[in-house]
Amino acid sequence: MNQRAFAIGAHPDDIEFGMAGTLILLKRAGFEIHYMNVATGSCGSMEWDAARTERVRLEEAKRAAVRIGAAFHPPLVPDIEIFYEKGLLARLGSVVREVAPSILLVPSPEDYMEDHTNTARLAVSAAFCRNMSNFPVDPPRAAVAGEVTVYHAQPYWNRDGLNRVVLPGLFVDVTGVLEEKVAMLAEHRSQKEWLDRSQGIDAYLTALRESTRETGELSGRFEYAEGWRRHNPLGFCAATADPLSDALGELVCGDAAGDRSSVIGDR
């Protein structure tokens, strides 16, 4: 198994909220790490036009990736244009073949907005087609062999689109890297005012701390945690494959097979 982990988010700052701690820990465990947002962040301003917003958010995302030593892959489409369609799948599929990860970190298959859920679907399909030589990708790249284990991050604030609490199958203890995770998010300076005004997310960095603490409470073990559910391994990896737990050891608790993973009702 190669030691390469790839985090794919929908928008600039999504990786920081739900995946960055795990990515940092994988880097410390010897993995080559990769970072990509599918959308440009073009709608993330009430003051600038789309072109300026894209430029600002691209630089912010690059700085966040550099901060943790991650290889940065540029976004593909504007915000609200992440659709599950052949052209975008071919483009993302080419990037997945280029990286050829053994661990793929992707959004939750259910969340509060379609950009997130469509990114999850696209990333999963891109990984599934990694070794299909008859599936054309853009730009063209040869199919790649090897296993990849796909893990879904938690939806924002651990709630699905119907506001039900989602319980992970695995928890990763990110207490020791919380400040690095916060520092990555702080690189996205343009987003504090935008989220305060558009979504009522006051105190941007505080929201990250509180949501990560809530996931830690769900674990029953860690103070701060990120939660993961392993995608069905069929077509991706061996049934028992769990490279995330193998790499991080005592920093992980739970069941990769998803026995604890569930939606537990309104809250």
Protein backbone atom coordinates (compact mmCIF):
# COMPACT_ATOMS: atom_id res chain seq x y z
CA MET A 1 0.00 0.00 0.00
CA ASN A 2 1.31 3.45 -0.88
CA GLN A 3 1.27 6.08 1.85
CA ARG A 4 -0.65 8.83 0.12
CA ALA A 5 -3.78 10.52 1.52
CA PHE A 6 -6.04 12.84 -0.49
CA ALA A 7 -8.62 15.18 1.09
CA ILE A 8 -11.30 16.48 -1.28
CA GLY A 9 -13.69 19.18 -0.06
CA ALA A 10 -16.41 21.17 -1.78
CA HIS A 11 -15.33 24.74 -0.91
CA PRO A 12 -12.28 26.52 0.49
CA ASP A 13 -12.43 25.98 4.30
CA ASP A 14 -14.48 22.72 4.20
CA ILE A 15 -11.34 20.62 4.66
CA GLU A 16 -10.32 22.76 7.62
CA PHE A 17 -13.64 22.23 9.40
CA GLY A 18 -13.95 18.48 9.05
CA MET A 19 -10.77 16.85 7.74
CA ALA A 20 -7.66 18.89 8.52
CA GLY A 21 -6.79 17.34 11.87
CA THR A 22 -6.80 13.85 10.42
CA LEU A 23 -4.77 15.01 7.42
CA ILE A 24 -2.15 16.57 9.72
CA LEU A 25 -1.90 13.36 11.74
CA LEU A 26 -1.48 11.29 8.57
CA LYS A 27 1.35 13.60 7.53
CA ARG A 28 3.03 12.96 10.89
CA ALA A 29 2.54 9.22 10.34
CA GLY A 30 4.58 9.41 7.14
CA PHE A 31 1.89 9.94 4.51
CA GLU A 32 2.22 12.24 1.53
CA ILE A 33 -0.85 14.45 1.81
CA HIS A 34 -2.92 16.17 -0.88
CA TYR A 35 -5.55 18.93 -0.62
CA MET A 36 -8.28 19.91 -3.08
CA ASN A 37 -11.52 21.91 -3.12
CA VAL A 38 -13.78 21.17 -6.09
CA ALA A 39 -15.35 24.65 -6.11
CA THR A 40 -13.58 27.99 -6.31
CA GLY A 41 -15.44 29.76 -3.50
CA SER A 42 -16.77 32.27 -6.02
CA CYS A 43 -20.01 32.96 -4.12
CA GLY A 44 -18.32 33.55 -0.79
CA SER A 45 -18.53 37.35 -0.71
CA MET A 46 -21.19 40.04 -0.52
CA GLU A 47 -18.75 42.77 -1.51
CA TRP A 48 -16.51 41.48 -4.32
CA ASP A 49 -17.42 40.14 -7.74
CA ALA A 50 -16.94 36.45 -8.49
CA ALA A 51 -13.56 36.87 -10.18
CA ARG A 52 -12.00 38.74 -7.26
CA THR A 53 -13.57 36.39 -4.73
CA GLU A 54 -12.09 33.40 -6.57
CA ARG A 55 -8.62 34.97 -6.57
CA VAL A 56 -8.71 35.75 -2.87
CA ARG A 57 -10.05 32.38 -1.84
CA LEU A 58 -7.57 30.52 -4.04
CA GLU A 59 -4.67 32.21 -2.29
CA GLU A 60 -6.19 31.54 1.13
CA ALA A 61 -6.61 27.84 0.35
CA LYS A 62 -3.07 27.60 -0.99
CA ARG A 63 -1.71 29.13 2.22
CA ALA A 64 -3.70 26.67 4.31
CA ALA A 65 -2.32 23.72 2.33
CA VAL A 66 1.25 25.03 2.51
CA ARG A 67 0.91 25.44 6.27
CA ILE A 68 0.65 21.65 6.69
CA GLY A 69 2.88 20.59 3.81
CA ALA A 70 0.05 19.36 1.58
CA ALA A 71 0.24 19.23 -2.21
CA PHE A 72 -2.40 21.64 -3.52
CA HIS A 73 -4.71 20.81 -6.44
CA PRO A 74 -6.68 23.71 -7.95
CA PRO A 75 -10.49 23.84 -7.97
CA LEU A 76 -12.55 22.96 -11.02
CA VAL A 77 -15.87 24.88 -11.03
CA PRO A 78 -17.59 27.90 -9.43
CA ASP A 79 -19.71 27.55 -6.31
CA ILE A 80 -23.19 26.04 -6.76
CA GLU A 81 -21.99 24.38 -9.98
CA ILE A 82 -20.86 21.10 -8.48
CA PHE A 83 -23.18 18.77 -10.31
CA TYR A 84 -22.92 15.01 -10.65
CA GLU A 85 -22.29 14.96 -14.38
CA LYS A 86 -19.90 13.27 -16.79
CA GLY A 87 -17.65 16.22 -17.61
CA LEU A 88 -16.87 17.11 -14.01
CA LEU A 89 -16.48 13.45 -13.08
CA ALA A 90 -13.93 13.05 -15.89
CA ARG A 91 -11.95 16.05 -14.62
CA LEU A 92 -11.96 14.95 -10.99
CA GLY A 93 -11.23 11.38 -12.08
CA SER A 94 -8.06 12.60 -13.76
CA VAL A 95 -6.86 14.21 -10.52
CA VAL A 96 -7.61 11.06 -8.51
CA ARG A 97 -5.58 9.00 -10.99
CA GLU A 98 -2.74 11.52 -10.74
CA VAL A 99 -2.62 11.32 -6.94
CA ALA A 100 -3.46 7.59 -6.73
CA PRO A 101 -4.18 7.73 -2.98
CA SER A 102 -4.53 4.77 -0.66
CA ILE A 103 -6.68 6.90 1.70
CA LEU A 104 -9.34 9.19 0.25
CA LEU A 105 -11.09 11.64 2.60
CA VAL A 106 -14.36 12.99 1.19
CA PRO A 107 -17.45 14.86 2.44
CA SER A 108 -20.47 13.27 4.04
CA PRO A 109 -23.00 11.73 1.64
CA GLU A 110 -25.63 13.81 3.45
CA ASP A 111 -25.20 17.41 4.52
CA TYR A 112 -26.97 20.75 4.53
CA MET A 113 -26.14 21.72 0.93
CA GLU A 114 -25.85 20.06 -2.45
CA ASP A 115 -22.29 21.17 -3.23
CA HIS A 116 -21.12 19.01 -0.32
CA THR A 117 -23.17 15.93 -1.16
CA ASN A 118 -22.40 16.14 -4.88
CA THR A 119 -18.69 16.39 -4.10
CA ALA A 120 -19.00 13.20 -2.06
CA ARG A 121 -20.68 11.41 -4.97
CA LEU A 122 -18.15 12.66 -7.52
CA ALA A 123 -15.14 11.76 -5.39
CA VAL A 124 -16.45 8.27 -4.71
CA SER A 125 -17.14 7.65 -8.40
CA ALA A 126 -13.76 9.06 -9.41
CA ALA A 127 -12.11 6.59 -7.03
CA PHE A 128 -14.25 3.72 -8.26
CA CYS A 129 -13.25 4.44 -11.88
CA ARG A 130 -9.54 4.86 -11.07
CA ASN A 131 -8.63 1.49 -12.61
CA MET A 132 -11.12 1.47 -15.50
CA SER A 133 -9.05 2.02 -18.63
CA ASN A 134 -12.20 2.42 -20.75
CA PHE A 135 -13.45 5.36 -18.67
CA PRO A 136 -11.91 8.50 -20.25
CA VAL A 137 -10.71 11.23 -17.92
CA ASP A 138 -9.85 14.86 -18.66
CA PRO A 139 -6.97 15.43 -19.13
CA PRO A 140 -6.24 11.85 -20.19
CA ARG A 141 -4.34 9.71 -17.69
CA ALA A 142 -3.75 6.00 -17.53
CA ALA A 143 -5.86 3.95 -15.17
CA VAL A 144 -4.16 3.14 -11.87
CA ALA A 145 -4.17 -0.10 -9.92
CA GLY A 146 -4.12 -0.52 -6.17
CA GLU A 147 -6.56 -0.28 -3.30
CA VAL A 148 -8.09 2.94 -2.04
CA THR A 149 -10.10 3.17 1.17
CA VAL A 150 -12.69 5.94 1.15
CA TYR A 151 -13.74 7.67 4.38
CA HIS A 152 -16.63 10.11 4.66
CA ALA A 153 -16.23 13.10 6.98
CA GLN A 154 -18.99 14.29 9.24
CA PRO A 155 -21.60 16.73 7.94
CA TYR A 156 -21.33 20.25 9.31
CA TRP A 157 -22.11 20.27 13.07
CA ASN A 158 -22.75 16.50 12.83
CA ARG A 159 -26.22 17.04 11.33
CA ASP A 160 -27.67 15.78 8.07
CA GLY A 161 -29.98 17.73 5.79
CA LEU A 162 -32.95 16.94 8.05
CA ASN A 163 -31.04 18.18 11.12
CA ARG A 164 -30.61 14.69 12.55
CA VAL A 165 -27.43 13.84 14.45
CA VAL A 166 -25.07 11.62 12.46
CA LEU A 167 -22.90 9.27 14.53
CA PRO A 168 -19.52 8.32 12.99
CA GLY A 169 -18.10 4.83 12.83
CA LEU A 170 -14.58 6.07 13.60
CA PHE A 171 -13.32 8.95 15.72
CA VAL A 172 -9.86 10.47 15.32
CA ASP A 173 -8.38 12.30 18.31
CA VAL A 174 -7.32 15.71 16.98
CA THR A 175 -6.81 17.32 20.39
CA GLY A 176 -3.06 17.49 19.90
CA VAL A 177 -3.33 19.21 16.51
CA LEU A 178 -6.34 21.43 17.20
CA GLU A 179 -4.35 24.65 17.09
CA GLU A 180 -2.85 23.70 13.71
CA LYS A 181 -6.36 23.00 12.44
CA VAL A 182 -7.53 26.40 13.72
CA ALA A 183 -4.50 28.11 12.16
CA MET A 184 -5.37 26.58 8.78
CA LEU A 185 -8.92 27.92 9.02
CA ALA A 186 -7.58 31.34 10.04
CA GLU A 187 -5.91 31.56 6.62
CA HIS A 188 -9.42 31.87 5.14
CA ARG A 189 -9.76 35.45 6.38
CA SER A 190 -12.31 36.47 3.77
CA GLN A 191 -14.85 34.02 5.16
CA LYS A 192 -15.35 35.29 8.69
CA GLU A 193 -17.59 38.23 7.79
CA TRP A 194 -19.27 36.32 4.95
CA LEU A 195 -20.37 33.46 7.22
CA ASP A 196 -21.36 35.83 10.01
CA ARG A 197 -23.71 37.64 7.63
CA SER A 198 -24.92 34.89 5.31
CA GLN A 199 -25.32 31.90 7.64
CA GLY A 200 -25.24 33.28 11.14
CA ILE A 201 -21.99 31.49 11.97
CA ASP A 202 -20.61 33.89 14.54
CA ALA A 203 -16.99 33.68 15.69
CA TYR A 204 -15.63 31.62 12.81
CA LEU A 205 -12.74 30.02 14.68
CA THR A 206 -14.85 29.44 17.79
CA ALA A 207 -17.37 27.54 15.66
CA LEU A 208 -14.63 25.17 14.53
CA ARG A 209 -13.52 24.53 18.12
CA GLU A 210 -17.07 23.94 19.32
CA SER A 211 -18.06 21.60 16.49
CA THR A 212 -14.84 19.60 16.92
CA ARG A 213 -15.49 19.43 20.66
CA GLU A 214 -19.01 18.13 20.00
CA THR A 215 -17.58 15.32 17.87
CA GLY A 216 -15.18 14.55 20.71
CA GLU A 217 -18.13 14.28 23.08
CA LEU A 218 -19.85 11.85 20.70
CA SER A 219 -16.76 9.66 20.86
CA GLY A 220 -17.04 9.33 24.63
CA ARG A 221 -13.25 9.30 24.75
CA PHE A 222 -11.53 12.28 23.10
CA GLU A 223 -11.76 15.98 23.96
CA TYR A 224 -11.65 17.08 20.31
CA ALA A 225 -12.28 14.70 17.42
CA GLU A 226 -13.05 14.36 13.75
CA GLY A 227 -15.52 11.66 12.77
CA TRP A 228 -15.38 9.29 9.82
CA ARG A 229 -17.49 6.61 8.16
CA ARG A 230 -15.81 4.17 5.83
CA HIS A 231 -17.44 3.78 2.44
CA ASN A 232 -18.54 0.30 1.42
CA PRO A 233 -15.23 -1.34 0.40
CA LEU A 234 -16.65 -3.24 -2.57
CA GLY A 235 -14.73 -2.16 -5.65
CA PHE A 236 -12.28 -0.08 -3.65
CA CYS A 237 -10.34 -2.21 -1.18
CA ALA A 238 -10.36 -5.38 0.89
CA ALA A 239 -13.32 -5.88 3.18
CA THR A 240 -11.11 -5.55 6.25
CA ALA A 241 -9.01 -2.63 5.02
CA ASP A 242 -8.77 0.25 7.49
CA PRO A 243 -5.53 2.11 6.75
CA LEU A 244 -6.65 5.14 8.75
CA SER A 245 -6.77 3.13 11.97
CA ASP A 246 -3.60 1.27 11.02
CA ALA A 247 -1.73 4.55 10.54
CA LEU A 248 -3.01 6.43 13.58
CA GLY A 249 -3.29 3.62 16.12
CA GLU A 250 -4.39 4.80 19.57
CA LEU A 251 -5.57 8.12 18.15
CA VAL A 252 -8.54 6.26 16.62
CA CYS A 253 -11.50 4.61 18.30
CA GLY A 254 -14.61 3.00 16.86
CA ASP A 255 -15.42 0.52 14.13
CA ALA A 256 -14.39 1.04 10.52
CA ALA A 257 -17.06 -1.38 9.38
CA GLY A 258 -19.61 1.20 10.52
CA ASP A 259 -21.41 -0.78 13.22
CA ARG A 260 -21.73 2.38 15.33
CA SER A 261 -22.47 4.63 12.39
CA SER A 262 -26.05 5.85 12.33
CA VAL A 263 -28.48 8.73 12.25
CA ILE A 264 -29.97 9.10 15.72
CA GLY A 265 -32.94 11.38 15.22
CA ASP A 266 -33.83 15.03 15.64
CA ARG A 267 -32.01 17.15 18.16
